[in-house]
Amino acid sequence: MSTSWNDASKELDAIVNSFDRDDVSVDELFEKLSRATALIEVLETRLRATKAQVDELNPRLKALGDD
């Protein structure tokens, strides 16, 4: 899935909001829950990847500050 962070989070928000408004029929429930789960997995994966990149850069940035 190559959804951007903003697109994925907006879509997830729309799904959650539809649950809050009771806009989801029983027929749509499983489909929306499945899509929400997939979006959450995408967002979590991107967060983990970003954290790994920050963790990798942090020592280098500290080393630059020590000079």
Protein backbone atom coordinates (compact mmCIF):
# COMPACT_ATOMS: atom_id res chain seq x y z
CA MET A 1 0.00 0.00 0.00
CA SER A 2 1.60 3.28 -1.05
CA THR A 3 -0.77 5.67 0.67
CA SER A 4 0.83 8.86 1.97
CA TRP A 5 0.82 9.52 5.71
CA ASN A 6 -1.68 12.37 5.34
CA ASP A 7 -4.00 10.37 3.10
CA ALA A 8 -3.91 7.35 5.40
CA SER A 9 -4.55 9.38 8.54
CA LYS A 10 -7.40 11.33 6.88
CA GLU A 11 -9.01 8.12 5.68
CA LEU A 12 -8.66 6.55 9.12
CA ASP A 13 -10.19 9.66 10.71
CA ALA A 14 -13.12 9.46 8.29
CA ILE A 15 -13.71 5.82 9.21
CA VAL A 16 -13.57 6.58 12.93
CA ASN A 17 -15.91 9.54 12.47
CA SER A 18 -18.37 7.37 10.57
CA PHE A 19 -18.42 5.01 13.57
CA ASP A 20 -19.00 7.96 15.91
CA ARG A 21 -21.94 9.17 13.79
CA ASP A 22 -23.41 5.68 13.50
CA ASP A 23 -23.12 6.00 9.70
CA VAL A 24 -21.97 2.41 9.26
CA SER A 25 -24.39 -0.31 8.38
CA VAL A 26 -23.82 -3.84 9.57
CA ASP A 27 -22.97 -4.74 5.98
CA GLU A 28 -20.18 -2.13 5.89
CA LEU A 29 -18.82 -2.78 9.37
CA PHE A 30 -16.36 -5.57 8.55
CA GLU A 31 -15.12 -3.80 5.42
CA LYS A 32 -14.47 -0.55 7.30
CA LEU A 33 -12.84 -2.34 10.24
CA SER A 34 -10.58 -4.24 7.85
CA ARG A 35 -9.59 -1.04 6.06
CA ALA A 36 -8.98 0.76 9.36
CA THR A 37 -6.74 -2.09 10.51
CA ALA A 38 -4.74 -1.93 7.29
CA LEU A 39 -4.34 1.84 7.62
CA ILE A 40 -3.19 1.53 11.23
CA GLU A 41 -0.58 -1.04 10.15
CA VAL A 42 0.69 1.34 7.45
CA LEU A 43 0.92 4.23 9.89
CA GLU A 44 2.65 2.13 12.57
CA THR A 45 5.17 0.84 10.02
CA ARG A 46 5.96 4.38 8.92
CA LEU A 47 6.34 5.52 12.52
CA ARG A 48 8.76 2.67 13.28
CA ALA A 49 10.78 3.47 10.15
CA THR A 50 10.92 7.17 11.03
CA LYS A 51 11.98 6.38 14.60
CA ALA A 52 14.76 4.14 13.28
CA GLN A 53 15.98 6.94 11.03
CA VAL A 54 15.93 9.45 13.89
CA ASP A 55 17.74 6.99 16.16
CA GLU A 56 20.38 6.57 13.47
CA LEU A 57 20.84 10.30 12.97
CA ASN A 58 20.80 11.26 16.64
CA PRO A 59 24.39 10.16 17.46
CA ARG A 60 25.66 11.91 14.35
CA LEU A 61 23.91 15.12 15.34
CA LYS A 62 25.27 14.89 18.86
CA ALA A 63 28.77 14.37 17.46
CA LEU A 64 28.41 17.50 15.36
CA GLY A 65 27.40 19.45 18.46
CA ASP A 66 30.45 18.21 20.36
CA ASP A 67 32.86 19.74 17.86
